[in-house]
Amino acid sequence: MGRGRDTRRGRALGSAGAAFATMLALSVPAEADEASFESLLCRRYYDAAKYAAAFPFCRKGAEAGLSEAMFALGVVYDEGRGVPQNYGRALFWWRKAAEVGHAGAMFNLGVVYEFGPGVPRDFVRAHM
């Protein structure tokens, strides 16, 4: 069959929603747990600039201990995307992510302590 004429594929997917669900399912490894899936949705919505939609998924992943979700939640709070800007919450989540080895969170903490948005400047902490 020619391109765009495969009706079996169209029937199998049924709708755009089913196609999206299929795409997400294929993007998540079989061993992934619910928190990983939440973190994936956080990233997908954030990358699509749907910040308010990303927030609950980022929060769930972060609360489950996923460093990438913790880092993303820090960015959401730092930039005020989908939530009111809150440097204190951004620092909280970046510290949590840094404690489990997230390099981006470590870098952001250094920048915050060096330049001081939301905290007193602290050059010792900035270079730790």
C-alpha atoms as a PDB file:
ATOM      1  CA  MET A   1       0.000   0.000   0.000  1.00  0.00           C
ATOM      2  CA  GLY A   2       1.073   3.562  -0.642  1.00  0.00           C
ATOM      3  CA  ARG A   3       2.036   6.039   1.984  1.00  0.00           C
ATOM      4  CA  GLY A   4      -0.962   7.226   4.015  1.00  0.00           C
ATOM      5  CA  ARG A   5      -3.149   4.364   2.801  1.00  0.00           C
ATOM      6  CA  ASP A   6      -2.427   1.797   5.505  1.00  0.00           C
ATOM      7  CA  THR A   7      -5.851   1.628   7.120  1.00  0.00           C
ATOM      8  CA  ARG A   8      -4.770  -1.067   9.570  1.00  0.00           C
ATOM      9  CA  ARG A   9      -2.430   1.411  11.247  1.00  0.00           C
ATOM     10  CA  GLY A  10      -5.171   4.040  11.419  1.00  0.00           C
ATOM     11  CA  ARG A  11      -7.593   1.595  13.015  1.00  0.00           C
ATOM     12  CA  ALA A  12      -5.002   0.352  15.476  1.00  0.00           C
ATOM     13  CA  LEU A  13      -4.259   3.840  16.761  1.00  0.00           C
ATOM     14  CA  GLY A  14      -7.816   5.082  16.598  1.00  0.00           C
ATOM     15  CA  SER A  15      -7.079   8.652  17.663  1.00  0.00           C
ATOM     16  CA  ALA A  16      -4.375  11.175  18.337  1.00  0.00           C
ATOM     17  CA  GLY A  17      -4.700  10.394  22.051  1.00  0.00           C
ATOM     18  CA  ALA A  18      -3.969   6.737  21.434  1.00  0.00           C
ATOM     19  CA  ALA A  19      -0.984   7.687  19.292  1.00  0.00           C
ATOM     20  CA  PHE A  20       0.377   9.897  22.071  1.00  0.00           C
ATOM     21  CA  ALA A  21      -0.098   7.143  24.651  1.00  0.00           C
ATOM     22  CA  THR A  22       1.660   4.676  22.358  1.00  0.00           C
ATOM     23  CA  MET A  23       4.558   7.075  21.848  1.00  0.00           C
ATOM     24  CA  LEU A  24       4.945   7.550  25.595  1.00  0.00           C
ATOM     25  CA  ALA A  25       4.723   3.840  26.277  1.00  0.00           C
ATOM     26  CA  LEU A  26       7.470   3.171  23.748  1.00  0.00           C
ATOM     27  CA  SER A  27       9.627   5.890  25.307  1.00  0.00           C
ATOM     28  CA  VAL A  28       9.585   4.314  28.767  1.00  0.00           C
ATOM     29  CA  PRO A  29      11.679   1.204  29.465  1.00  0.00           C
ATOM     30  CA  ALA A  30       9.734  -1.832  30.658  1.00  0.00           C
ATOM     31  CA  GLU A  31      11.392  -1.717  34.077  1.00  0.00           C
ATOM     32  CA  ALA A  32      10.429   1.938  34.643  1.00  0.00           C
ATOM     33  CA  ASP A  33       8.232   2.596  37.631  1.00  0.00           C
ATOM     34  CA  GLU A  34       5.468   5.154  38.068  1.00  0.00           C
ATOM     35  CA  ALA A  35       7.846   7.825  39.349  1.00  0.00           C
ATOM     36  CA  SER A  36      10.025   7.490  36.262  1.00  0.00           C
ATOM     37  CA  PHE A  37       6.956   7.869  34.095  1.00  0.00           C
ATOM     38  CA  GLU A  38       5.957  10.990  36.048  1.00  0.00           C
ATOM     39  CA  SER A  39       9.438  12.381  35.492  1.00  0.00           C
ATOM     40  CA  LEU A  40       9.203  11.631  31.772  1.00  0.00           C
ATOM     41  CA  LEU A  41       5.889  13.497  31.552  1.00  0.00           C
ATOM     42  CA  CYS A  42       7.445  16.377  33.491  1.00  0.00           C
ATOM     43  CA  ARG A  43      10.201  16.627  30.910  1.00  0.00           C
ATOM     44  CA  ARG A  44       7.892  16.292  27.899  1.00  0.00           C
ATOM     45  CA  TYR A  45       5.527  19.025  29.099  1.00  0.00           C
ATOM     46  CA  TYR A  46       8.396  21.289  30.140  1.00  0.00           C
ATOM     47  CA  ASP A  47      10.143  20.879  26.778  1.00  0.00           C
ATOM     48  CA  ALA A  48       6.846  21.737  25.067  1.00  0.00           C
ATOM     49  CA  ALA A  49       6.660  24.977  27.146  1.00  0.00           C
ATOM     50  CA  LYS A  50       3.543  23.695  28.959  1.00  0.00           C
ATOM     51  CA  TYR A  51       4.899  24.645  32.355  1.00  0.00           C
ATOM     52  CA  ALA A  52       1.679  24.557  34.376  1.00  0.00           C
ATOM     53  CA  ALA A  53       1.001  21.051  33.029  1.00  0.00           C
ATOM     54  CA  ALA A  54       4.589  19.968  33.797  1.00  0.00           C
ATOM     55  CA  PHE A  55       4.532  21.088  37.426  1.00  0.00           C
ATOM     56  CA  PRO A  56       2.478  18.281  39.036  1.00  0.00           C
ATOM     57  CA  PHE A  57       4.490  15.613  37.222  1.00  0.00           C
ATOM     58  CA  CYS A  58       7.793  17.246  38.188  1.00  0.00           C
ATOM     59  CA  ARG A  59       6.644  17.451  41.796  1.00  0.00           C
ATOM     60  CA  LYS A  60       5.614  13.777  41.913  1.00  0.00           C
ATOM     61  CA  GLY A  61       8.904  12.633  40.412  1.00  0.00           C
ATOM     62  CA  ALA A  62      10.893  14.888  42.736  1.00  0.00           C
ATOM     63  CA  GLU A  63       9.022  13.684  45.811  1.00  0.00           C
ATOM     64  CA  ALA A  64       9.767  10.109  44.709  1.00  0.00           C
ATOM     65  CA  GLY A  65      13.491  10.936  44.768  1.00  0.00           C
ATOM     66  CA  LEU A  66      14.282  11.206  41.051  1.00  0.00           C
ATOM     67  CA  SER A  67      17.184  13.619  40.620  1.00  0.00           C
ATOM     68  CA  GLU A  68      16.168  14.816  37.134  1.00  0.00           C
ATOM     69  CA  ALA A  69      12.683  15.693  38.423  1.00  0.00           C
ATOM     70  CA  MET A  70      14.189  17.453  41.445  1.00  0.00           C
ATOM     71  CA  PHE A  71      16.407  19.472  39.128  1.00  0.00           C
ATOM     72  CA  ALA A  72      13.492  20.314  36.802  1.00  0.00           C
ATOM     73  CA  LEU A  73      11.327  21.385  39.728  1.00  0.00           C
ATOM     74  CA  GLY A  74      14.122  23.701  40.861  1.00  0.00           C
ATOM     75  CA  VAL A  75      14.205  25.254  37.389  1.00  0.00           C
ATOM     76  CA  VAL A  76      10.413  25.662  37.358  1.00  0.00           C
ATOM     77  CA  TYR A  77      10.549  27.536  40.686  1.00  0.00           C
ATOM     78  CA  ASP A  78      13.639  29.547  39.732  1.00  0.00           C
ATOM     79  CA  GLU A  79      12.120  30.781  36.485  1.00  0.00           C
ATOM     80  CA  GLY A  80       8.542  31.064  37.767  1.00  0.00           C
ATOM     81  CA  ARG A  81       7.227  28.925  34.923  1.00  0.00           C
ATOM     82  CA  GLY A  82       3.740  27.652  35.712  1.00  0.00           C
ATOM     83  CA  VAL A  83       4.156  28.590  39.392  1.00  0.00           C
ATOM     84  CA  PRO A  84       5.030  31.797  41.228  1.00  0.00           C
ATOM     85  CA  GLN A  85       8.799  32.381  41.210  1.00  0.00           C
ATOM     86  CA  ASN A  86      10.306  31.131  44.460  1.00  0.00           C
ATOM     87  CA  TYR A  87      14.090  31.075  44.855  1.00  0.00           C
ATOM     88  CA  GLY A  88      13.853  29.320  48.221  1.00  0.00           C
ATOM     89  CA  ARG A  89      11.961  26.374  46.713  1.00  0.00           C
ATOM     90  CA  ALA A  90      14.355  26.298  43.751  1.00  0.00           C
ATOM     91  CA  LEU A  91      17.313  26.048  46.130  1.00  0.00           C
ATOM     92  CA  PHE A  92      15.578  23.357  48.173  1.00  0.00           C
ATOM     93  CA  TRP A  93      15.079  21.119  45.132  1.00  0.00           C
ATOM     94  CA  TRP A  94      18.513  21.805  43.658  1.00  0.00           C
ATOM     95  CA  ARG A  95      20.110  20.889  47.000  1.00  0.00           C
ATOM     96  CA  LYS A  96      18.131  17.637  47.085  1.00  0.00           C
ATOM     97  CA  ALA A  97      19.197  16.819  43.504  1.00  0.00           C
ATOM     98  CA  ALA A  98      22.824  17.763  44.215  1.00  0.00           C
ATOM     99  CA  GLU A  99      22.865  15.475  47.266  1.00  0.00           C
ATOM    100  CA  VAL A 100      22.196  12.507  44.970  1.00  0.00           C
ATOM    101  CA  GLY A 101      24.796  13.615  42.436  1.00  0.00           C
ATOM    102  CA  HIS A 102      22.916  15.653  39.814  1.00  0.00           C
ATOM    103  CA  ALA A 103      25.613  17.734  38.075  1.00  0.00           C
ATOM    104  CA  GLY A 104      23.213  20.379  36.727  1.00  0.00           C
ATOM    105  CA  ALA A 105      21.862  21.003  40.215  1.00  0.00           C
ATOM    106  CA  MET A 106      25.397  21.320  41.598  1.00  0.00           C
ATOM    107  CA  PHE A 107      26.234  23.863  38.905  1.00  0.00           C
ATOM    108  CA  ASN A 108      23.054  25.880  39.525  1.00  0.00           C
ATOM    109  CA  LEU A 109      23.743  25.977  43.266  1.00  0.00           C
ATOM    110  CA  GLY A 110      27.220  27.336  42.556  1.00  0.00           C
ATOM    111  CA  VAL A 111      25.796  30.041  40.295  1.00  0.00           C
ATOM    112  CA  VAL A 112      23.152  31.020  42.840  1.00  0.00           C
ATOM    113  CA  TYR A 113      25.677  31.296  45.667  1.00  0.00           C
ATOM    114  CA  GLU A 114      28.150  33.199  43.499  1.00  0.00           C
ATOM    115  CA  PHE A 115      25.698  35.780  42.156  1.00  0.00           C
ATOM    116  CA  GLY A 116      23.146  35.780  44.962  1.00  0.00           C
ATOM    117  CA  PRO A 117      19.656  35.702  43.446  1.00  0.00           C
ATOM    118  CA  GLY A 118      17.434  34.831  46.382  1.00  0.00           C
ATOM    119  CA  VAL A 119      20.291  34.162  48.833  1.00  0.00           C
ATOM    120  CA  PRO A 120      23.200  36.109  50.276  1.00  0.00           C
ATOM    121  CA  ARG A 121      26.313  35.702  48.137  1.00  0.00           C
ATOM    122  CA  ASP A 122      28.596  33.028  49.546  1.00  0.00           C
ATOM    123  CA  PHE A 123      31.797  32.402  47.589  1.00  0.00           C
ATOM    124  CA  VAL A 124      32.821  29.474  49.778  1.00  0.00           C
ATOM    125  CA  ARG A 125      29.578  27.606  49.070  1.00  0.00           C
ATOM    126  CA  ALA A 126      29.689  28.656  45.424  1.00  0.00           C
ATOM    127  CA  HIS A 127      32.946  26.771  44.908  1.00  0.00           C
ATOM    128  CA  MET A 128      32.187  23.662  46.961  1.00  0.00           C
END
